[in-house]
N, C-alpha and C. Protein backbone atom coordinates (compact mmCIF):
# COMPACT_ATOMS: atom_id res chain seq x y z
N MET A 1 -1.10 -32.99 -0.72
CA MET A 1 -0.11 -32.03 -0.28
C MET A 1 -0.73 -31.22 0.85
N SER A 2 -0.03 -31.13 1.95
CA SER A 2 -0.53 -30.37 3.09
C SER A 2 -0.25 -28.89 2.88
N ASP A 3 -0.88 -28.06 3.70
CA ASP A 3 -0.67 -26.62 3.59
C ASP A 3 0.78 -26.24 3.87
N ARG A 4 1.40 -26.94 4.80
CA ARG A 4 2.79 -26.63 5.15
C ARG A 4 3.72 -26.95 3.99
N GLU A 5 3.46 -28.02 3.26
CA GLU A 5 4.31 -28.40 2.14
C GLU A 5 4.23 -27.39 1.00
N GLN A 6 3.12 -26.66 0.91
CA GLN A 6 2.99 -25.66 -0.15
C GLN A 6 4.00 -24.52 0.03
N TYR A 7 4.40 -24.26 1.28
CA TYR A 7 5.28 -23.13 1.55
C TYR A 7 6.72 -23.52 1.86
N THR A 8 7.09 -24.77 1.62
CA THR A 8 8.46 -25.16 1.87
C THR A 8 9.36 -24.56 0.81
N PRO A 9 10.54 -24.07 1.21
CA PRO A 9 11.43 -23.45 0.23
C PRO A 9 11.95 -24.45 -0.77
N GLY A 10 12.07 -24.02 -1.97
CA GLY A 10 12.59 -24.85 -3.04
C GLY A 10 12.89 -23.96 -4.23
N PRO A 11 13.36 -24.52 -5.32
CA PRO A 11 13.73 -23.69 -6.46
C PRO A 11 12.55 -22.92 -7.06
N ALA A 12 11.36 -23.48 -6.99
CA ALA A 12 10.20 -22.81 -7.59
C ALA A 12 9.27 -22.26 -6.52
N SER A 13 9.75 -22.13 -5.28
CA SER A 13 8.85 -21.74 -4.20
C SER A 13 8.33 -20.31 -4.38
N ALA A 14 9.14 -19.41 -4.90
CA ALA A 14 8.68 -18.03 -5.09
C ALA A 14 7.57 -17.97 -6.13
N VAL A 15 7.75 -18.70 -7.21
CA VAL A 15 6.72 -18.73 -8.26
C VAL A 15 5.46 -19.39 -7.73
N GLN A 16 5.63 -20.47 -7.00
CA GLN A 16 4.49 -21.18 -6.43
C GLN A 16 3.76 -20.28 -5.44
N PHE A 17 4.50 -19.56 -4.61
CA PHE A 17 3.88 -18.65 -3.64
C PHE A 17 3.10 -17.56 -4.34
N CYS A 18 3.67 -16.99 -5.42
CA CYS A 18 2.97 -15.94 -6.17
C CYS A 18 1.67 -16.45 -6.77
N ARG A 19 1.72 -17.66 -7.31
CA ARG A 19 0.50 -18.23 -7.90
C ARG A 19 -0.55 -18.49 -6.82
N LEU A 20 -0.11 -19.02 -5.68
CA LEU A 20 -1.03 -19.30 -4.58
C LEU A 20 -1.60 -18.00 -4.03
N TRP A 21 -0.74 -16.98 -3.87
CA TRP A 21 -1.20 -15.68 -3.39
C TRP A 21 -2.20 -15.08 -4.36
N SER A 22 -1.93 -15.17 -5.64
CA SER A 22 -2.84 -14.64 -6.65
C SER A 22 -4.19 -15.34 -6.59
N ALA A 23 -4.17 -16.62 -6.38
CA ALA A 23 -5.43 -17.37 -6.27
C ALA A 23 -6.22 -16.93 -5.05
N HIS A 24 -5.53 -16.67 -3.95
CA HIS A 24 -6.21 -16.20 -2.74
C HIS A 24 -6.81 -14.82 -2.95
N VAL A 25 -6.07 -13.93 -3.59
CA VAL A 25 -6.56 -12.58 -3.84
C VAL A 25 -7.74 -12.62 -4.80
N ASP A 26 -7.66 -13.44 -5.83
CA ASP A 26 -8.78 -13.56 -6.77
C ASP A 26 -10.04 -14.06 -6.06
N ALA A 27 -9.87 -15.04 -5.18
CA ALA A 27 -11.02 -15.56 -4.43
C ALA A 27 -11.59 -14.49 -3.52
N LEU A 28 -10.72 -13.71 -2.90
CA LEU A 28 -11.17 -12.63 -2.03
C LEU A 28 -11.96 -11.60 -2.81
N GLU A 29 -11.46 -11.23 -3.98
CA GLU A 29 -12.15 -10.24 -4.81
C GLU A 29 -13.52 -10.73 -5.26
N ARG A 30 -13.64 -12.02 -5.52
CA ARG A 30 -14.92 -12.56 -5.96
C ARG A 30 -15.95 -12.58 -4.84
N HIS A 31 -15.51 -12.70 -3.59
CA HIS A 31 -16.44 -12.92 -2.49
C HIS A 31 -16.73 -11.66 -1.66
N LEU A 32 -16.07 -10.56 -1.92
CA LEU A 32 -16.35 -9.34 -1.16
C LEU A 32 -17.54 -8.61 -1.77
N SER A 33 -18.42 -8.13 -0.91
CA SER A 33 -19.58 -7.40 -1.39
C SER A 33 -19.20 -5.96 -1.72
N ALA A 34 -20.10 -5.26 -2.37
CA ALA A 34 -19.88 -3.85 -2.71
C ALA A 34 -19.76 -3.02 -1.43
N ASN A 35 -20.52 -3.37 -0.41
CA ASN A 35 -20.43 -2.62 0.86
C ASN A 35 -19.06 -2.77 1.50
N THR A 36 -18.48 -3.94 1.40
CA THR A 36 -17.15 -4.17 1.96
C THR A 36 -16.11 -3.37 1.20
N TRP A 37 -16.21 -3.34 -0.13
CA TRP A 37 -15.28 -2.54 -0.94
C TRP A 37 -15.44 -1.06 -0.61
N ALA A 38 -16.67 -0.60 -0.42
CA ALA A 38 -16.90 0.81 -0.08
C ALA A 38 -16.30 1.13 1.28
N LEU A 39 -16.47 0.24 2.24
CA LEU A 39 -15.89 0.44 3.57
C LEU A 39 -14.37 0.48 3.50
N ALA A 40 -13.78 -0.39 2.69
CA ALA A 40 -12.32 -0.39 2.53
C ALA A 40 -11.85 0.91 1.88
N ALA A 41 -12.59 1.40 0.89
CA ALA A 41 -12.21 2.65 0.23
C ALA A 41 -12.29 3.83 1.19
N VAL A 42 -13.34 3.88 1.99
CA VAL A 42 -13.49 4.96 2.97
C VAL A 42 -12.36 4.90 3.99
N THR A 43 -12.00 3.70 4.41
CA THR A 43 -10.90 3.55 5.37
C THR A 43 -9.59 4.04 4.78
N VAL A 44 -9.32 3.71 3.54
CA VAL A 44 -8.09 4.17 2.88
C VAL A 44 -8.06 5.69 2.78
N VAL A 45 -9.19 6.28 2.44
CA VAL A 45 -9.26 7.75 2.34
C VAL A 45 -9.07 8.39 3.71
N LEU A 46 -9.70 7.83 4.74
CA LEU A 46 -9.56 8.40 6.09
C LEU A 46 -8.13 8.31 6.61
N ILE A 47 -7.41 7.29 6.21
CA ILE A 47 -6.02 7.16 6.63
C ILE A 47 -5.11 7.99 5.73
N GLY A 48 -5.39 8.00 4.44
CA GLY A 48 -4.51 8.69 3.49
C GLY A 48 -4.62 10.20 3.52
N TYR A 49 -5.79 10.74 3.82
CA TYR A 49 -5.98 12.19 3.79
C TYR A 49 -5.08 12.91 4.79
N PRO A 50 -5.05 12.51 6.07
CA PRO A 50 -4.14 13.21 6.99
C PRO A 50 -2.67 13.06 6.60
N ILE A 51 -2.33 11.90 6.04
CA ILE A 51 -0.94 11.71 5.61
C ILE A 51 -0.62 12.69 4.49
N ALA A 52 -1.53 12.82 3.53
CA ALA A 52 -1.27 13.70 2.40
C ALA A 52 -1.30 15.17 2.81
N ARG A 53 -2.13 15.54 3.77
CA ARG A 53 -2.28 16.95 4.13
C ARG A 53 -1.35 17.41 5.25
N ILE A 54 -0.85 16.50 6.09
CA ILE A 54 -0.05 16.90 7.25
C ILE A 54 1.36 16.33 7.19
N VAL A 55 1.47 15.04 7.04
CA VAL A 55 2.77 14.38 7.17
C VAL A 55 3.69 14.70 6.00
N ILE A 56 3.19 14.59 4.78
CA ILE A 56 4.03 14.85 3.60
C ILE A 56 4.53 16.30 3.57
N PRO A 57 3.66 17.31 3.77
CA PRO A 57 4.19 18.68 3.82
C PRO A 57 5.19 18.90 4.95
N ALA A 58 4.99 18.27 6.10
CA ALA A 58 5.94 18.42 7.20
C ALA A 58 7.30 17.85 6.83
N ILE A 59 7.30 16.71 6.16
CA ILE A 59 8.56 16.11 5.72
C ILE A 59 9.24 17.00 4.69
N LEU A 60 8.48 17.49 3.73
CA LEU A 60 9.06 18.37 2.72
C LEU A 60 9.59 19.66 3.34
N HIS A 61 8.87 20.19 4.31
CA HIS A 61 9.33 21.41 4.98
C HIS A 61 10.64 21.17 5.72
N GLY A 62 10.79 19.99 6.28
CA GLY A 62 12.03 19.67 6.97
C GLY A 62 13.19 19.42 6.02
N ILE A 63 12.90 18.96 4.81
CA ILE A 63 13.96 18.66 3.85
C ILE A 63 14.46 19.90 3.14
N VAL A 64 13.53 20.77 2.77
CA VAL A 64 13.89 21.94 1.99
C VAL A 64 14.65 22.92 2.88
N THR A 65 15.78 23.38 2.43
CA THR A 65 16.59 24.30 3.23
C THR A 65 16.06 25.72 3.15
N ASP A 66 16.54 26.58 4.05
CA ASP A 66 16.10 27.99 4.07
C ASP A 66 16.47 28.71 2.78
N MET A 67 17.60 28.39 2.22
CA MET A 67 18.03 29.07 1.00
C MET A 67 17.07 28.77 -0.15
N VAL A 68 16.68 27.54 -0.28
CA VAL A 68 15.77 27.17 -1.36
C VAL A 68 14.41 27.83 -1.14
N ARG A 69 13.96 27.86 0.12
CA ARG A 69 12.69 28.53 0.43
C ARG A 69 12.75 30.00 0.08
N THR A 70 13.89 30.65 0.35
CA THR A 70 14.04 32.06 0.03
C THR A 70 13.99 32.28 -1.48
N VAL A 71 14.66 31.46 -2.24
CA VAL A 71 14.65 31.59 -3.70
C VAL A 71 13.24 31.36 -4.23
N LEU A 72 12.52 30.39 -3.70
CA LEU A 72 11.16 30.14 -4.14
C LEU A 72 10.22 31.28 -3.80
N LYS A 73 10.45 31.96 -2.69
CA LYS A 73 9.62 33.12 -2.33
C LYS A 73 9.84 34.25 -3.31
N LEU A 74 11.05 34.41 -3.82
CA LEU A 74 11.35 35.49 -4.76
C LEU A 74 10.71 35.23 -6.11
N ILE A 75 10.51 34.00 -6.45
CA ILE A 75 9.90 33.66 -7.74
C ILE A 75 8.45 33.87 -7.62
């Protein structure tokens, strides 16, 4: 079976794709070193921290109306 035939649509293609994807992820997890995992974790933190500290509060500030902000200040 060629690589292209593995991804041809069919009744069980979604299940087959999930199994194949899972096998690829398992192989990746087995072959990555601790340094690579640490680098990936640092990258996620460096990307996620500004989002959590700047973008999310800005979105919430834009969503919350002035009336709700006033009521929350009184509490």
